Amino acid sequence: SAEKLQVKQGTTIYYWTLVMGQIAAALSTTTERQSLLTYCFPNMALNVAFGFEVVLGLMAIFVPFMYGPFDTAYLPKEYVGKALIALFAIVLIEEIRKYIFRTLEARKACGWGLDT
């Protein structure tokens, strides 16, 4: 029925947004102060895990035989793209925090760094 499909799509978009949030959290906590723009992602195991998580998540959304095991349903692509907002928002907020931390530390304006 239409209602069951809506519930499945709702849980699917929740799942996909959670996956994006987990990736954002992992990216954000990879370094405490260093920007991701200069970090260059040297941890290949983590990079492979990100790729695997994204591919598996997309398969759960777009590959019909995966719907049963993951209890998901097809999502229109615009909904899949909207979940990226969570990833970018979390990473951006964390990058701003790191920038503020580095700026205060360079000015010797904070006494709560790791090395104190």
C-alpha atoms as a PDB file:
ATOM      1  CA  SER A   1       0.000   0.000   0.000  1.00  0.00           C
ATOM      2  CA  ALA A   2       1.019   3.638  -0.372  1.00  0.00           C
ATOM      3  CA  GLU A   3       1.260   4.128   3.381  1.00  0.00           C
ATOM      4  CA  LYS A   4       3.665   1.196   3.803  1.00  0.00           C
ATOM      5  CA  LEU A   5       5.827   2.567   0.993  1.00  0.00           C
ATOM      6  CA  GLN A   6       5.933   5.983   2.652  1.00  0.00           C
ATOM      7  CA  VAL A   7       7.006   4.426   5.956  1.00  0.00           C
ATOM      8  CA  LYS A   8       9.726   2.377   4.192  1.00  0.00           C
ATOM      9  CA  GLN A   9      10.949   5.467   2.329  1.00  0.00           C
ATOM     10  CA  GLY A  10      10.970   7.405   5.601  1.00  0.00           C
ATOM     11  CA  THR A  11      13.113   4.780   7.304  1.00  0.00           C
ATOM     12  CA  THR A  12      15.332   4.621   4.217  1.00  0.00           C
ATOM     13  CA  ILE A  13      16.028   8.368   4.189  1.00  0.00           C
ATOM     14  CA  TYR A  14      16.674   8.181   7.941  1.00  0.00           C
ATOM     15  CA  TYR A  15      19.154   5.339   7.345  1.00  0.00           C
ATOM     16  CA  TRP A  16      20.931   7.206   4.530  1.00  0.00           C
ATOM     17  CA  THR A  17      21.143  10.436   6.544  1.00  0.00           C
ATOM     18  CA  LEU A  18      22.557   8.433   9.451  1.00  0.00           C
ATOM     19  CA  VAL A  19      25.216   6.960   7.144  1.00  0.00           C
ATOM     20  CA  MET A  20      26.153  10.458   5.948  1.00  0.00           C
ATOM     21  CA  GLY A  21      26.252  11.701   9.548  1.00  0.00           C
ATOM     22  CA  GLN A  22      28.520   8.821  10.586  1.00  0.00           C
ATOM     23  CA  ILE A  23      30.925   9.589   7.770  1.00  0.00           C
ATOM     24  CA  ALA A  24      30.895  13.280   8.694  1.00  0.00           C
ATOM     25  CA  ALA A  25      31.589  12.448  12.340  1.00  0.00           C
ATOM     26  CA  ALA A  26      34.465  10.161  11.364  1.00  0.00           C
ATOM     27  CA  LEU A  27      35.923  12.844   9.093  1.00  0.00           C
ATOM     28  CA  SER A  28      35.504  15.528  11.730  1.00  0.00           C
ATOM     29  CA  THR A  29      37.174  13.565  14.510  1.00  0.00           C
ATOM     30  CA  THR A  30      40.070  12.313  12.395  1.00  0.00           C
ATOM     31  CA  THR A  31      42.080  15.320  13.512  1.00  0.00           C
ATOM     32  CA  GLU A  32      41.527  17.604  16.488  1.00  0.00           C
ATOM     33  CA  ARG A  33      42.970  20.797  15.023  1.00  0.00           C
ATOM     34  CA  GLN A  34      44.182  20.174  11.485  1.00  0.00           C
ATOM     35  CA  SER A  35      41.857  21.100   8.640  1.00  0.00           C
ATOM     36  CA  LEU A  36      40.680  18.296   6.386  1.00  0.00           C
ATOM     37  CA  LEU A  37      41.856  20.465   3.477  1.00  0.00           C
ATOM     38  CA  THR A  38      45.472  19.946   4.543  1.00  0.00           C
ATOM     39  CA  TYR A  39      45.116  16.471   6.055  1.00  0.00           C
ATOM     40  CA  CYS A  40      44.985  14.557   2.726  1.00  0.00           C
ATOM     41  CA  PHE A  41      43.345  11.431   4.223  1.00  0.00           C
ATOM     42  CA  PRO A  42      46.402   9.181   4.734  1.00  0.00           C
ATOM     43  CA  ASN A  43      44.443   6.400   6.486  1.00  0.00           C
ATOM     44  CA  MET A  44      43.691   4.084   3.559  1.00  0.00           C
ATOM     45  CA  ALA A  45      41.730   1.615   5.701  1.00  0.00           C
ATOM     46  CA  LEU A  46      39.383   4.411   6.760  1.00  0.00           C
ATOM     47  CA  ASN A  47      39.076   5.641   3.166  1.00  0.00           C
ATOM     48  CA  VAL A  48      38.140   2.145   1.997  1.00  0.00           C
ATOM     49  CA  ALA A  49      35.605   1.879   4.830  1.00  0.00           C
ATOM     50  CA  PHE A  50      34.014   5.184   3.727  1.00  0.00           C
ATOM     51  CA  GLY A  51      33.749   3.917   0.168  1.00  0.00           C
ATOM     52  CA  PHE A  52      32.297   0.589   1.281  1.00  0.00           C
ATOM     53  CA  GLU A  53      29.746   2.301   3.526  1.00  0.00           C
ATOM     54  CA  VAL A  54      28.600   4.617   0.727  1.00  0.00           C
ATOM     55  CA  VAL A  55      28.367   1.831  -1.859  1.00  0.00           C
ATOM     56  CA  LEU A  56      26.484  -0.454   0.521  1.00  0.00           C
ATOM     57  CA  GLY A  57      24.130   2.370   1.490  1.00  0.00           C
ATOM     58  CA  LEU A  58      23.422   3.236  -2.137  1.00  0.00           C
ATOM     59  CA  MET A  59      22.815  -0.432  -2.899  1.00  0.00           C
ATOM     60  CA  ALA A  60      20.291  -0.561  -0.050  1.00  0.00           C
ATOM     61  CA  ILE A  61      18.473   2.325  -1.740  1.00  0.00           C
ATOM     62  CA  PHE A  62      18.711   1.460  -5.435  1.00  0.00           C
ATOM     63  CA  VAL A  63      19.180  -2.335  -5.724  1.00  0.00           C
ATOM     64  CA  PRO A  64      15.837  -4.147  -5.243  1.00  0.00           C
ATOM     65  CA  PHE A  65      17.261  -7.408  -3.817  1.00  0.00           C
ATOM     66  CA  MET A  66      18.827  -5.360  -0.991  1.00  0.00           C
ATOM     67  CA  TYR A  67      15.484  -3.900   0.140  1.00  0.00           C
ATOM     68  CA  GLY A  68      14.527  -6.973   2.185  1.00  0.00           C
ATOM     69  CA  PRO A  69      17.734  -7.445   4.193  1.00  0.00           C
ATOM     70  CA  PHE A  70      18.024  -3.710   4.915  1.00  0.00           C
ATOM     71  CA  ASP A  71      14.265  -3.097   5.226  1.00  0.00           C
ATOM     72  CA  THR A  72      14.602  -0.171   2.800  1.00  0.00           C
ATOM     73  CA  ALA A  73      12.826   1.108  -0.301  1.00  0.00           C
ATOM     74  CA  TYR A  74      13.720   3.037  -3.435  1.00  0.00           C
ATOM     75  CA  LEU A  75      14.293   6.759  -2.909  1.00  0.00           C
ATOM     76  CA  PRO A  76      14.165   9.446  -5.554  1.00  0.00           C
ATOM     77  CA  LYS A  77      17.652  10.798  -6.227  1.00  0.00           C
ATOM     78  CA  GLU A  78      16.808  14.272  -4.905  1.00  0.00           C
ATOM     79  CA  TYR A  79      16.186  12.779  -1.455  1.00  0.00           C
ATOM     80  CA  VAL A  80      19.475  10.927  -1.576  1.00  0.00           C
ATOM     81  CA  GLY A  81      21.221  14.195  -2.435  1.00  0.00           C
ATOM     82  CA  LYS A  82      19.494  16.092   0.369  1.00  0.00           C
ATOM     83  CA  ALA A  83      21.045  13.770   2.940  1.00  0.00           C
ATOM     84  CA  LEU A  84      24.433  15.111   1.864  1.00  0.00           C
ATOM     85  CA  ILE A  85      23.433  18.373   3.558  1.00  0.00           C
ATOM     86  CA  ALA A  86      23.976  16.629   6.907  1.00  0.00           C
ATOM     87  CA  LEU A  87      27.470  15.533   5.895  1.00  0.00           C
ATOM     88  CA  PHE A  88      28.507  18.951   4.626  1.00  0.00           C
ATOM     89  CA  ALA A  89      26.938  20.810   7.570  1.00  0.00           C
ATOM     90  CA  ILE A  90      28.711  18.681  10.179  1.00  0.00           C
ATOM     91  CA  VAL A  91      32.066  18.905   8.415  1.00  0.00           C
ATOM     92  CA  LEU A  92      31.716  22.666   7.863  1.00  0.00           C
ATOM     93  CA  ILE A  93      30.810  23.344  11.497  1.00  0.00           C
ATOM     94  CA  GLU A  94      33.741  21.235  12.652  1.00  0.00           C
ATOM     95  CA  GLU A  95      36.132  22.988  10.243  1.00  0.00           C
ATOM     96  CA  ILE A  96      35.005  26.359  11.665  1.00  0.00           C
ATOM     97  CA  ARG A  97      35.590  25.072  15.199  1.00  0.00           C
ATOM     98  CA  LYS A  98      39.070  23.872  14.266  1.00  0.00           C
ATOM     99  CA  TYR A  99      39.878  27.217  12.634  1.00  0.00           C
ATOM    100  CA  ILE A 100      38.781  29.126  15.741  1.00  0.00           C
ATOM    101  CA  PHE A 101      40.794  26.770  17.935  1.00  0.00           C
ATOM    102  CA  ARG A 102      43.947  27.207  15.802  1.00  0.00           C
ATOM    103  CA  THR A 103      43.513  30.992  15.693  1.00  0.00           C
ATOM    104  CA  LEU A 104      43.106  31.289  19.451  1.00  0.00           C
ATOM    105  CA  GLU A 105      46.011  28.942  20.020  1.00  0.00           C
ATOM    106  CA  ALA A 106      48.277  30.967  17.695  1.00  0.00           C
ATOM    107  CA  ARG A 107      47.400  34.133  19.632  1.00  0.00           C
ATOM    108  CA  LYS A 108      48.075  32.337  22.928  1.00  0.00           C
ATOM    109  CA  ALA A 109      44.500  33.285  23.817  1.00  0.00           C
ATOM    110  CA  CYS A 110      43.396  29.887  25.061  1.00  0.00           C
ATOM    111  CA  GLY A 111      44.798  27.781  27.818  1.00  0.00           C
ATOM    112  CA  TRP A 112      42.846  24.635  27.130  1.00  0.00           C
ATOM    113  CA  GLY A 113      44.888  23.022  24.376  1.00  0.00           C
ATOM    114  CA  LEU A 114      46.094  19.461  24.413  1.00  0.00           C
ATOM    115  CA  ASP A 115      49.641  20.403  25.293  1.00  0.00           C
ATOM    116  CA  THR A 116      48.777  22.393  28.425  1.00  0.00           C
END
